[in-house]
Amino acid sequence: MNQYQSKLEGKEMDFLCEAFLSIETKEECYRFFDDICTITEIKALEQRLLVAKMLREKKTYLEIAAETGASTATISRVNRCLNYGSDGYKIILGRLEEKEKNKEEEKNPEE
């Protein structure tokens, strides 16, 4: 049983989570984000995830700001979440890294 309890928990958030979990394809994901978020909201989410990825890659704040356009306040907030948050970024980025690694291994199988 999962011991994690979010401060966001509630039936409305459960409904939103179930909606995300029901997405089956990248196209469905695009369509859902297009309907549920403004372009600004989507771009902010994209930016935060990219900032988290770059922080895990040990990029500097200056490098991250230059590449993403994120403010140092945003970078600092994401960094705080990576270090002291709920591990959401770590879970998702770990899965994405594993997926990318598997893709590379499929392209270049060692003989």
PDB file of N, CA and C in Angstrom:
ATOM      1  N   MET A   1       0.841  -1.185   0.000  1.00  0.00           N
ATOM      2  CA  MET A   1       0.000   0.000   0.000  1.00  0.00           C
ATOM      3  C   MET A   1       0.886   1.247   0.000  1.00  0.00           C
ATOM      4  N   ASN A   2       0.502   2.224  -0.781  1.00  0.00           N
ATOM      5  CA  ASN A   2       1.273   3.449  -0.927  1.00  0.00           C
ATOM      6  C   ASN A   2       1.112   4.333   0.309  1.00  0.00           C
ATOM      7  N   GLN A   3       2.222   4.765   0.899  1.00  0.00           N
ATOM      8  CA  GLN A   3       2.203   5.596   2.099  1.00  0.00           C
ATOM      9  C   GLN A   3       2.147   7.090   1.765  1.00  0.00           C
ATOM     10  N   TYR A   4       2.349   7.425   0.489  1.00  0.00           N
ATOM     11  CA  TYR A   4       2.388   8.833   0.096  1.00  0.00           C
ATOM     12  C   TYR A   4       0.998   9.444   0.144  1.00  0.00           C
ATOM     13  N   GLN A   5       0.897  10.609   0.734  1.00  0.00           N
ATOM     14  CA  GLN A   5      -0.360  11.352   0.729  1.00  0.00           C
ATOM     15  C   GLN A   5      -0.056  12.769   0.275  1.00  0.00           C
ATOM     16  N   SER A   6      -0.702  13.170  -0.779  1.00  0.00           N
ATOM     17  CA  SER A   6      -0.479  14.489  -1.350  1.00  0.00           C
ATOM     18  C   SER A   6      -1.374  15.528  -0.699  1.00  0.00           C
ATOM     19  N   LYS A   7      -0.861  16.742  -0.623  1.00  0.00           N
ATOM     20  CA  LYS A   7      -1.683  17.856  -0.140  1.00  0.00           C
ATOM     21  C   LYS A   7      -2.750  18.209  -1.176  1.00  0.00           C
ATOM     22  N   LEU A   8      -2.625  17.645  -2.385  1.00  0.00           N
ATOM     23  CA  LEU A   8      -3.597  17.889  -3.449  1.00  0.00           C
ATOM     24  C   LEU A   8      -4.755  16.899  -3.436  1.00  0.00           C
ATOM     25  N   GLU A   9      -4.616  15.842  -2.633  1.00  0.00           N
ATOM     26  CA  GLU A   9      -5.576  14.750  -2.671  1.00  0.00           C
ATOM     27  C   GLU A   9      -7.010  15.199  -2.470  1.00  0.00           C
ATOM     28  N   GLY A  10      -7.878  14.599  -3.237  1.00  0.00           N
ATOM     29  CA  GLY A  10      -9.309  14.871  -3.133  1.00  0.00           C
ATOM     30  C   GLY A  10      -9.997  14.245  -4.329  1.00  0.00           C
ATOM     31  N   LYS A  11     -11.309  14.183  -4.284  1.00  0.00           N
ATOM     32  CA  LYS A  11     -12.022  13.498  -5.366  1.00  0.00           C
ATOM     33  C   LYS A  11     -11.865  14.211  -6.711  1.00  0.00           C
ATOM     34  N   GLU A  12     -11.743  15.530  -6.691  1.00  0.00           N
ATOM     35  CA  GLU A  12     -11.556  16.259  -7.951  1.00  0.00           C
ATOM     36  C   GLU A  12     -10.189  15.949  -8.556  1.00  0.00           C
ATOM     37  N   MET A  13      -9.162  15.909  -7.698  1.00  0.00           N
ATOM     38  CA  MET A  13      -7.819  15.585  -8.171  1.00  0.00           C
ATOM     39  C   MET A  13      -7.751  14.127  -8.616  1.00  0.00           C
ATOM     40  N   ASP A  14      -8.435  13.240  -7.899  1.00  0.00           N
ATOM     41  CA  ASP A  14      -8.511  11.841  -8.316  1.00  0.00           C
ATOM     42  C   ASP A  14      -9.085  11.741  -9.730  1.00  0.00           C
ATOM     43  N   PHE A  15     -10.129  12.529  -9.986  1.00  0.00           N
ATOM     44  CA  PHE A  15     -10.770  12.531 -11.312  1.00  0.00           C
ATOM     45  C   PHE A  15      -9.777  12.995 -12.379  1.00  0.00           C
ATOM     46  N   LEU A  16      -9.014  14.057 -12.066  1.00  0.00           N
ATOM     47  CA  LEU A  16      -8.016  14.552 -13.013  1.00  0.00           C
ATOM     48  C   LEU A  16      -6.920  13.509 -13.243  1.00  0.00           C
ATOM     49  N   CYS A  17      -6.443  12.890 -12.181  1.00  0.00           N
ATOM     50  CA  CYS A  17      -5.417  11.842 -12.314  1.00  0.00           C
ATOM     51  C   CYS A  17      -5.922  10.688 -13.157  1.00  0.00           C
ATOM     52  N   GLU A  18      -7.146  10.255 -12.918  1.00  0.00           N
ATOM     53  CA  GLU A  18      -7.720   9.167 -13.711  1.00  0.00           C
ATOM     54  C   GLU A  18      -7.823   9.569 -15.182  1.00  0.00           C
ATOM     55  N   ALA A  19      -8.128  10.828 -15.439  1.00  0.00           N
ATOM     56  CA  ALA A  19      -8.188  11.306 -16.825  1.00  0.00           C
ATOM     57  C   ALA A  19      -6.814  11.179 -17.476  1.00  0.00           C
ATOM     58  N   PHE A  20      -5.767  11.629 -16.790  1.00  0.00           N
ATOM     59  CA  PHE A  20      -4.408  11.509 -17.339  1.00  0.00           C
ATOM     60  C   PHE A  20      -4.018  10.054 -17.539  1.00  0.00           C
ATOM     61  N   LEU A  21      -4.346   9.214 -16.581  1.00  0.00           N
ATOM     62  CA  LEU A  21      -3.980   7.806 -16.668  1.00  0.00           C
ATOM     63  C   LEU A  21      -4.727   7.072 -17.777  1.00  0.00           C
ATOM     64  N   SER A  22      -5.842   7.636 -18.244  1.00  0.00           N
ATOM     65  CA  SER A  22      -6.601   6.990 -19.316  1.00  0.00           C
ATOM     66  C   SER A  22      -6.046   7.297 -20.705  1.00  0.00           C
ATOM     67  N   ILE A  23      -5.104   8.226 -20.797  1.00  0.00           N
ATOM     68  CA  ILE A  23      -4.506   8.574 -22.090  1.00  0.00           C
ATOM     69  C   ILE A  23      -3.702   7.383 -22.599  1.00  0.00           C
ATOM     70  N   GLU A  24      -3.963   6.998 -23.849  1.00  0.00           N
ATOM     71  CA  GLU A  24      -3.328   5.807 -24.404  1.00  0.00           C
ATOM     72  C   GLU A  24      -2.277   6.092 -25.466  1.00  0.00           C
ATOM     73  N   THR A  25      -2.356   7.237 -26.126  1.00  0.00           N
ATOM     74  CA  THR A  25      -1.403   7.541 -27.196  1.00  0.00           C
ATOM     75  C   THR A  25      -0.902   8.973 -27.063  1.00  0.00           C
ATOM     76  N   LYS A  26       0.202   9.242 -27.758  1.00  0.00           N
ATOM     77  CA  LYS A  26       0.735  10.609 -27.755  1.00  0.00           C
ATOM     78  C   LYS A  26      -0.271  11.570 -28.387  1.00  0.00           C
ATOM     79  N   GLU A  27      -0.967  11.120 -29.432  1.00  0.00           N
ATOM     80  CA  GLU A  27      -1.966  11.980 -30.069  1.00  0.00           C
ATOM     81  C   GLU A  27      -3.081  12.335 -29.087  1.00  0.00           C
ATOM     82  N   GLU A  28      -3.561  11.341 -28.316  1.00  0.00           N
ATOM     83  CA  GLU A  28      -4.577  11.624 -27.304  1.00  0.00           C
ATOM     84  C   GLU A  28      -4.053  12.622 -26.275  1.00  0.00           C
ATOM     85  N   CYS A  29      -2.789  12.492 -25.930  1.00  0.00           N
ATOM     86  CA  CYS A  29      -2.173  13.404 -24.968  1.00  0.00           C
ATOM     87  C   CYS A  29      -2.169  14.831 -25.515  1.00  0.00           C
ATOM     88  N   TYR A  30      -1.737  14.982 -26.771  1.00  0.00           N
ATOM     89  CA  TYR A  30      -1.763  16.300 -27.408  1.00  0.00           C
ATOM     90  C   TYR A  30      -3.171  16.880 -27.389  1.00  0.00           C
ATOM     91  N   ARG A  31      -4.148  16.067 -27.786  1.00  0.00           N
ATOM     92  CA  ARG A  31      -5.530  16.540 -27.863  1.00  0.00           C
ATOM     93  C   ARG A  31      -6.053  16.966 -26.485  1.00  0.00           C
ATOM     94  N   PHE A  32      -5.739  16.153 -25.456  1.00  0.00           N
ATOM     95  CA  PHE A  32      -6.210  16.465 -24.109  1.00  0.00           C
ATOM     96  C   PHE A  32      -5.577  17.758 -23.602  1.00  0.00           C
ATOM     97  N   PHE A  33      -4.249  17.876 -23.747  1.00  0.00           N
ATOM     98  CA  PHE A  33      -3.583  19.108 -23.309  1.00  0.00           C
ATOM     99  C   PHE A  33      -4.105  20.315 -24.069  1.00  0.00           C
ATOM    100  N   ASP A  34      -4.358  20.141 -25.360  1.00  0.00           N
ATOM    101  CA  ASP A  34      -4.874  21.234 -26.177  1.00  0.00           C
ATOM    102  C   ASP A  34      -6.215  21.726 -25.636  1.00  0.00           C
ATOM    103  N   ASP A  35      -7.050  20.804 -25.173  1.00  0.00           N
ATOM    104  CA  ASP A  35      -8.362  21.177 -24.649  1.00  0.00           C
ATOM    105  C   ASP A  35      -8.329  21.663 -23.205  1.00  0.00           C
ATOM    106  N   ILE A  36      -7.468  21.074 -22.374  1.00  0.00           N
ATOM    107  CA  ILE A  36      -7.541  21.340 -20.931  1.00  0.00           C
ATOM    108  C   ILE A  36      -6.669  22.515 -20.476  1.00  0.00           C
ATOM    109  N   CYS A  37      -5.630  22.842 -21.249  1.00  0.00           N
ATOM    110  CA  CYS A  37      -4.691  23.900 -20.846  1.00  0.00           C
ATOM    111  C   CYS A  37      -4.597  24.986 -21.904  1.00  0.00           C
ATOM    112  N   THR A  38      -4.222  26.177 -21.448  1.00  0.00           N
ATOM    113  CA  THR A  38      -3.875  27.230 -22.401  1.00  0.00           C
ATOM    114  C   THR A  38      -2.462  26.954 -22.910  1.00  0.00           C
ATOM    115  N   ILE A  39      -2.087  27.582 -23.993  1.00  0.00           N
ATOM    116  CA  ILE A  39      -0.734  27.433 -24.520  1.00  0.00           C
ATOM    117  C   ILE A  39       0.288  27.859 -23.465  1.00  0.00           C
ATOM    118  N   THR A  40       0.008  28.931 -22.751  1.00  0.00           N
ATOM    119  CA  THR A  40       0.915  29.416 -21.713  1.00  0.00           C
ATOM    120  C   THR A  40       1.109  28.374 -20.615  1.00  0.00           C
ATOM    121  N   GLU A  41       0.026  27.730 -20.193  1.00  0.00           N
ATOM    122  CA  GLU A  41       0.120  26.697 -19.157  1.00  0.00           C
ATOM    123  C   GLU A  41       0.934  25.496 -19.651  1.00  0.00           C
ATOM    124  N   ILE A  42       0.688  25.093 -20.876  1.00  0.00           N
ATOM    125  CA  ILE A  42       1.424  23.963 -21.454  1.00  0.00           C
ATOM    126  C   ILE A  42       2.910  24.301 -21.547  1.00  0.00           C
ATOM    127  N   LYS A  43       3.219  25.490 -22.028  1.00  0.00           N
ATOM    128  CA  LYS A  43       4.622  25.910 -22.163  1.00  0.00           C
ATOM    129  C   LYS A  43       5.307  25.961 -20.797  1.00  0.00           C
ATOM    130  N   ALA A  44       4.580  26.381 -19.761  1.00  0.00           N
ATOM    131  CA  ALA A  44       5.157  26.416 -18.412  1.00  0.00           C
ATOM    132  C   ALA A  44       5.466  25.000 -17.930  1.00  0.00           C
ATOM    133  N   LEU A  45       4.567  24.053 -18.187  1.00  0.00           N
ATOM    134  CA  LEU A  45       4.803  22.663 -17.794  1.00  0.00           C
ATOM    135  C   LEU A  45       5.988  22.082 -18.565  1.00  0.00           C
ATOM    136  N   GLU A  46       6.024  22.329 -19.867  1.00  0.00           N
ATOM    137  CA  GLU A  46       7.155  21.871 -20.699  1.00  0.00           C
ATOM    138  C   GLU A  46       8.470  22.391 -20.131  1.00  0.00           C
ATOM    139  N   GLN A  47       8.482  23.695 -19.841  1.00  0.00           N
ATOM    140  CA  GLN A  47       9.696  24.345 -19.354  1.00  0.00           C
ATOM    141  C   GLN A  47      10.155  23.744 -18.033  1.00  0.00           C
ATOM    142  N   ARG A  48       9.242  23.538 -17.099  1.00  0.00           N
ATOM    143  CA  ARG A  48       9.612  22.990 -15.793  1.00  0.00           C
ATOM    144  C   ARG A  48      10.190  21.588 -15.919  1.00  0.00           C
ATOM    145  N   LEU A  49       9.588  20.763 -16.773  1.00  0.00           N
ATOM    146  CA  LEU A  49      10.097  19.406 -16.944  1.00  0.00           C
ATOM    147  C   LEU A  49      11.484  19.436 -17.582  1.00  0.00           C
ATOM    148  N   LEU A  50      11.688  20.300 -18.561  1.00  0.00           N
ATOM    149  CA  LEU A  50      13.002  20.428 -19.189  1.00  0.00           C
ATOM    150  C   LEU A  50      14.033  20.947 -18.186  1.00  0.00           C
ATOM    151  N   VAL A  51      13.643  21.913 -17.360  1.00  0.00           N
ATOM    152  CA  VAL A  51      14.535  22.431 -16.323  1.00  0.00           C
ATOM    153  C   VAL A  51      14.933  21.299 -15.377  1.00  0.00           C
ATOM    154  N   ALA A  52      13.966  20.483 -14.962  1.00  0.00           N
ATOM    155  CA  ALA A  52      14.267  19.365 -14.059  1.00  0.00           C
ATOM    156  C   ALA A  52      15.240  18.394 -14.714  1.00  0.00           C
ATOM    157  N   LYS A  53      15.028  18.100 -15.981  1.00  0.00           N
ATOM    158  CA  LYS A  53      15.923  17.196 -16.720  1.00  0.00           C
ATOM    159  C   LYS A  53      17.339  17.765 -16.755  1.00  0.00           C
ATOM    160  N   MET A  54      17.448  19.042 -17.047  1.00  0.00           N
ATOM    161  CA  MET A  54      18.761  19.674 -17.141  1.00  0.00           C
ATOM    162  C   MET A  54      19.447  19.757 -15.778  1.00  0.00           C
ATOM    163  N   LEU A  55      18.680  19.979 -14.726  1.00  0.00           N
ATOM    164  CA  LEU A  55      19.261  19.992 -13.375  1.00  0.00           C
ATOM    165  C   LEU A  55      19.816  18.616 -13.034  1.00  0.00           C
ATOM    166  N   ARG A  56      19.098  17.565 -13.414  1.00  0.00           N
ATOM    167  CA  ARG A  56      19.591  16.200 -13.173  1.00  0.00           C
ATOM    168  C   ARG A  56      20.860  15.918 -13.970  1.00  0.00           C
ATOM    169  N   GLU A  57      20.992  16.608 -15.101  1.00  0.00           N
ATOM    170  CA  GLU A  57      22.202  16.466 -15.927  1.00  0.00           C
ATOM    171  C   GLU A  57      23.333  17.367 -15.434  1.00  0.00           C
ATOM    172  N   LYS A  58      23.108  18.022 -14.291  1.00  0.00           N
ATOM    173  CA  LYS A  58      24.106  18.883 -13.643  1.00  0.00           C
ATOM    174  C   LYS A  58      24.441  20.143 -14.445  1.00  0.00           C
ATOM    175  N   LYS A  59      23.483  20.631 -15.225  1.00  0.00           N
ATOM    176  CA  LYS A  59      23.674  21.900 -15.937  1.00  0.00           C
ATOM    177  C   LYS A  59      23.590  23.041 -14.926  1.00  0.00           C
ATOM    178  N   THR A  60      24.251  24.134 -15.242  1.00  0.00           N
ATOM    179  CA  THR A  60      24.223  25.293 -14.353  1.00  0.00           C
ATOM    180  C   THR A  60      22.945  26.101 -14.585  1.00  0.00           C
ATOM    181  N   TYR A  61      22.612  26.922 -13.612  1.00  0.00           N
ATOM    182  CA  TYR A  61      21.441  27.790 -13.755  1.00  0.00           C
ATOM    183  C   TYR A  61      21.573  28.652 -15.008  1.00  0.00           C
ATOM    184  N   LEU A  62      22.775  29.166 -15.270  1.00  0.00           N
ATOM    185  CA  LEU A  62      22.976  30.012 -16.450  1.00  0.00           C
ATOM    186  C   LEU A  62      22.735  29.241 -17.743  1.00  0.00           C
ATOM    187  N   GLU A  63      23.237  28.014 -17.812  1.00  0.00           N
ATOM    188  CA  GLU A  63      23.013  27.183 -19.002  1.00  0.00           C
ATOM    189  C   GLU A  63      21.520  26.897 -19.185  1.00  0.00           C
ATOM    190  N   ILE A  64      20.858  26.574 -18.083  1.00  0.00           N
ATOM    191  CA  ILE A  64      19.432  26.251 -18.142  1.00  0.00           C
ATOM    192  C   ILE A  64      18.621  27.470 -18.556  1.00  0.00           C
ATOM    193  N   ALA A  65      18.916  28.616 -17.956  1.00  0.00           N
ATOM    194  CA  ALA A  65      18.196  29.848 -18.296  1.00  0.00           C
ATOM    195  C   ALA A  65      18.386  30.201 -19.767  1.00  0.00           C
ATOM    196  N   ALA A  66      19.622  30.057 -20.252  1.00  0.00           N
ATOM    197  CA  ALA A  66      19.908  30.386 -21.646  1.00  0.00           C
ATOM    198  C   ALA A  66      19.160  29.460 -22.603  1.00  0.00           C
ATOM    199  N   GLU A  67      19.118  28.176 -22.291  1.00  0.00           N
ATOM    200  CA  GLU A  67      18.496  27.209 -23.201  1.00  0.00           C
ATOM    201  C   GLU A  67      16.973  27.204 -23.123  1.00  0.00           C
ATOM    202  N   THR A  68      16.422  27.418 -21.922  1.00  0.00           N
ATOM    203  CA  THR A  68      14.975  27.283 -21.748  1.00  0.00           C
ATOM    204  C   THR A  68      14.227  28.601 -21.641  1.00  0.00           C
ATOM    205  N   GLY A  69      14.939  29.664 -21.300  1.00  0.00           N
ATOM    206  CA  GLY A  69      14.270  30.937 -21.051  1.00  0.00           C
ATOM    207  C   GLY A  69      13.646  31.010 -19.664  1.00  0.00           C
ATOM    208  N   ALA A  70      13.874  29.988 -18.842  1.00  0.00           N
ATOM    209  CA  ALA A  70      13.316  29.970 -17.489  1.00  0.00           C
ATOM    210  C   ALA A  70      14.023  30.996 -16.617  1.00  0.00           C
ATOM    211  N   SER A  71      13.264  31.589 -15.717  1.00  0.00           N
ATOM    212  CA  SER A  71      13.856  32.524 -14.769  1.00  0.00           C
ATOM    213  C   SER A  71      14.613  31.738 -13.704  1.00  0.00           C
ATOM    214  N   THR A  72      15.518  32.419 -13.022  1.00  0.00           N
ATOM    215  CA  THR A  72      16.240  31.745 -11.936  1.00  0.00           C
ATOM    216  C   THR A  72      15.271  31.333 -10.829  1.00  0.00           C
ATOM    217  N   ALA A  73      14.177  32.078 -10.662  1.00  0.00           N
ATOM    218  CA  ALA A  73      13.172  31.710  -9.653  1.00  0.00           C
ATOM    219  C   ALA A  73      12.520  30.375 -10.019  1.00  0.00           C
ATOM    220  N   THR A  74      12.195  30.190 -11.293  1.00  0.00           N
ATOM    221  CA  THR A  74      11.608  28.926 -11.743  1.00  0.00           C
ATOM    222  C   THR A  74      12.611  27.792 -11.589  1.00  0.00           C
ATOM    223  N   ILE A  75      13.849  28.033 -11.986  1.00  0.00           N
ATOM    224  CA  ILE A  75      14.886  27.004 -11.876  1.00  0.00           C
ATOM    225  C   ILE A  75      15.077  26.616 -10.416  1.00  0.00           C
ATOM    226  N   SER A  76      15.107  27.611  -9.539  1.00  0.00           N
ATOM    227  CA  SER A  76      15.280  27.367  -8.114  1.00  0.00           C
ATOM    228  C   SER A  76      14.111  26.569  -7.548  1.00  0.00           C
ATOM    229  N   ARG A  77      12.897  26.890  -7.965  1.00  0.00           N
ATOM    230  CA  ARG A  77      11.720  26.176  -7.480  1.00  0.00           C
ATOM    231  C   ARG A  77      11.772  24.718  -7.916  1.00  0.00           C
ATOM    232  N   VAL A  78      12.108  24.476  -9.175  1.00  0.00           N
ATOM    233  CA  VAL A  78      12.203  23.105  -9.681  1.00  0.00           C
ATOM    234  C   VAL A  78      13.310  22.358  -8.935  1.00  0.00           C
ATOM    235  N   ASN A  79      14.431  23.029  -8.714  1.00  0.00           N
ATOM    236  CA  ASN A  79      15.541  22.413  -7.980  1.00  0.00           C
ATOM    237  C   ASN A  79      15.116  22.020  -6.563  1.00  0.00           C
ATOM    238  N   ARG A  80      14.352  22.888  -5.925  1.00  0.00           N
ATOM    239  CA  ARG A  80      13.845  22.600  -4.583  1.00  0.00           C
ATOM    240  C   ARG A  80      12.931  21.368  -4.617  1.00  0.00           C
ATOM    241  N   CYS A  81      12.087  21.275  -5.639  1.00  0.00           N
ATOM    242  CA  CYS A  81      11.212  20.102  -5.778  1.00  0.00           C
ATOM    243  C   CYS A  81      12.031  18.833  -6.010  1.00  0.00           C
ATOM    244  N   LEU A  82      13.082  18.942  -6.809  1.00  0.00           N
ATOM    245  CA  LEU A  82      13.934  17.771  -7.049  1.00  0.00           C
ATOM    246  C   LEU A  82      14.601  17.294  -5.762  1.00  0.00           C
ATOM    247  N   ASN A  83      15.012  18.224  -4.941  1.00  0.00           N
ATOM    248  CA  ASN A  83      15.748  17.880  -3.725  1.00  0.00           C
ATOM    249  C   ASN A  83      14.872  17.609  -2.508  1.00  0.00           C
ATOM    250  N   TYR A  84      13.742  18.295  -2.403  1.00  0.00           N
ATOM    251  CA  TYR A  84      12.934  18.197  -1.187  1.00  0.00           C
ATOM    252  C   TYR A  84      11.460  17.936  -1.457  1.00  0.00           C
ATOM    253  N   GLY A  85      11.119  17.680  -2.717  1.00  0.00           N
ATOM    254  CA  GLY A  85       9.710  17.522  -3.074  1.00  0.00           C
ATOM    255  C   GLY A  85       9.191  16.108  -2.890  1.00  0.00           C
ATOM    256  N   SER A  86       8.176  15.799  -3.638  1.00  0.00           N
ATOM    257  CA  SER A  86       7.460  14.530  -3.524  1.00  0.00           C
ATOM    258  C   SER A  86       8.018  13.442  -4.428  1.00  0.00           C
ATOM    259  N   ASP A  87       9.141  13.713  -5.090  1.00  0.00           N
ATOM    260  CA  ASP A  87       9.816  12.778  -6.001  1.00  0.00           C
ATOM    261  C   ASP A  87       9.084  12.563  -7.317  1.00  0.00           C
ATOM    262  N   GLY A  88       8.110  13.383  -7.613  1.00  0.00           N
ATOM    263  CA  GLY A  88       7.384  13.258  -8.882  1.00  0.00           C
ATOM    264  C   GLY A  88       8.294  13.419 -10.087  1.00  0.00           C
ATOM    265  N   TYR A  89       9.126  14.460 -10.067  1.00  0.00           N
ATOM    266  CA  TYR A  89      10.071  14.650 -11.175  1.00  0.00           C
ATOM    267  C   TYR A  89      11.008  13.452 -11.289  1.00  0.00           C
ATOM    268  N   LYS A  90      11.534  13.000 -10.151  1.00  0.00           N
ATOM    269  CA  LYS A  90      12.494  11.890 -10.163  1.00  0.00           C
ATOM    270  C   LYS A  90      11.878  10.632 -10.753  1.00  0.00           C
ATOM    271  N   ILE A  91      10.657  10.332 -10.380  1.00  0.00           N
ATOM    272  CA  ILE A  91       9.979   9.138 -10.896  1.00  0.00           C
ATOM    273  C   ILE A  91       9.820   9.226 -12.408  1.00  0.00           C
ATOM    274  N   ILE A  92       9.265  10.333 -12.872  1.00  0.00           N
ATOM    275  CA  ILE A  92       8.965  10.480 -14.299  1.00  0.00           C
ATOM    276  C   ILE A  92      10.243  10.579 -15.120  1.00  0.00           C
ATOM    277  N   LEU A  93      11.206  11.392 -14.671  1.00  0.00           N
ATOM    278  CA  LEU A  93      12.452  11.522 -15.425  1.00  0.00           C
ATOM    279  C   LEU A  93      13.221  10.203 -15.444  1.00  0.00           C
ATOM    280  N   GLY A  94      13.183   9.458 -14.356  1.00  0.00           N
ATOM    281  CA  GLY A  94      13.825   8.150 -14.333  1.00  0.00           C
ATOM    282  C   GLY A  94      13.214   7.214 -15.361  1.00  0.00           C
ATOM    283  N   ARG A  95      11.898   7.218 -15.456  1.00  0.00           N
ATOM    284  CA  ARG A  95      11.222   6.373 -16.444  1.00  0.00           C
ATOM    285  C   ARG A  95      11.545   6.813 -17.866  1.00  0.00           C
ATOM    286  N   LEU A  96      11.563   8.118 -18.087  1.00  0.00           N
ATOM    287  CA  LEU A  96      11.884   8.619 -19.433  1.00  0.00           C
ATOM    288  C   LEU A  96      13.321   8.281 -19.821  1.00  0.00           C
ATOM    289  N   GLU A  97      14.244   8.393 -18.860  1.00  0.00           N
ATOM    290  CA  GLU A  97      15.644   8.043 -19.121  1.00  0.00           C
ATOM    291  C   GLU A  97      15.774   6.558 -19.452  1.00  0.00           C
ATOM    292  N   GLU A  98      15.066   5.726 -18.723  1.00  0.00           N
ATOM    293  CA  GLU A  98      15.093   4.283 -18.969  1.00  0.00           C
ATOM    294  C   GLU A  98      14.523   3.957 -20.352  1.00  0.00           C
ATOM    295  N   LYS A  99      13.447   4.625 -20.700  1.00  0.00           N
ATOM    296  CA  LYS A  99      12.819   4.427 -22.010  1.00  0.00           C
ATOM    297  C   LYS A  99      13.789   4.824 -23.128  1.00  0.00           C
ATOM    298  N   GLU A 100      14.469   5.958 -22.952  1.00  0.00           N
ATOM    299  CA  GLU A 100      15.440   6.429 -23.948  1.00  0.00           C
ATOM    300  C   GLU A 100      16.606   5.455 -24.055  1.00  0.00           C
ATOM    301  N   LYS A 101      17.078   4.965 -22.931  1.00  0.00           N
ATOM    302  CA  LYS A 101      18.173   3.989 -22.906  1.00  0.00           C
ATOM    303  C   LYS A 101      17.776   2.718 -23.660  1.00  0.00           C
ATOM    304  N   ASN A 102      16.551   2.241 -23.421  1.00  0.00           N
ATOM    305  CA  ASN A 102      16.072   1.046 -24.120  1.00  0.00           C
ATOM    306  C   ASN A 102      15.964   1.269 -25.620  1.00  0.00           C
ATOM    307  N   LYS A 103      15.535   2.462 -26.021  1.00  0.00           N
ATOM    308  CA  LYS A 103      15.458   2.793 -27.453  1.00  0.00           C
ATOM    309  C   LYS A 103      16.838   2.742 -28.090  1.00  0.00           C
ATOM    310  N   GLU A 104      17.821   3.318 -27.393  1.00  0.00           N
ATOM    311  CA  GLU A 104      19.196   3.328 -27.901  1.00  0.00           C
ATOM    312  C   GLU A 104      19.741   1.906 -28.032  1.00  0.00           C
ATOM    313  N   GLU A 105      19.450   1.072 -27.054  1.00  0.00           N
ATOM    314  CA  GLU A 105      19.921  -0.316 -27.091  1.00  0.00           C
ATOM    315  C   GLU A 105      19.279  -1.090 -28.244  1.00  0.00           C
ATOM    316  N   GLU A 106      18.023  -0.770 -28.548  1.00  0.00           N
ATOM    317  CA  GLU A 106      17.338  -1.420 -29.672  1.00  0.00           C
ATOM    318  C   GLU A 106      17.958  -1.004 -31.002  1.00  0.00           C
ATOM    319  N   LYS A 107      18.342   0.296 -31.077  1.00  0.00           N
ATOM    320  CA  LYS A 107      18.971   0.798 -32.307  1.00  0.00           C
ATOM    321  C   LYS A 107      20.369   0.257 -32.493  1.00  0.00           C
ATOM    322  N   ASN A 108      21.092   0.096 -31.407  1.00  0.00           N
ATOM    323  CA  ASN A 108      22.489  -0.342 -31.454  1.00  0.00           C
ATOM    324  C   ASN A 108      22.699  -1.572 -30.575  1.00  0.00           C
ATOM    325  N   PRO A 109      22.134  -2.697 -30.964  1.00  0.00           N
ATOM    326  CA  PRO A 109      22.323  -3.888 -30.128  1.00  0.00           C
ATOM    327  C   PRO A 109      23.788  -4.323 -30.130  1.00  0.00           C
ATOM    328  N   GLU A 110      24.260  -4.648 -28.941  1.00  0.00           N
ATOM    329  CA  GLU A 110      25.645  -5.117 -28.818  1.00  0.00           C
ATOM    330  C   GLU A 110      25.689  -6.572 -29.229  1.00  0.00           C
ATOM    331  N   GLU A 111      26.696  -6.912 -29.981  1.00  0.00           N
ATOM    332  CA  GLU A 111      26.775  -8.282 -30.479  1.00  0.00           C
ATOM    333  C   GLU A 111      27.807  -9.085 -29.764  1.00  0.00           C
TER     334      GLU A 111
END
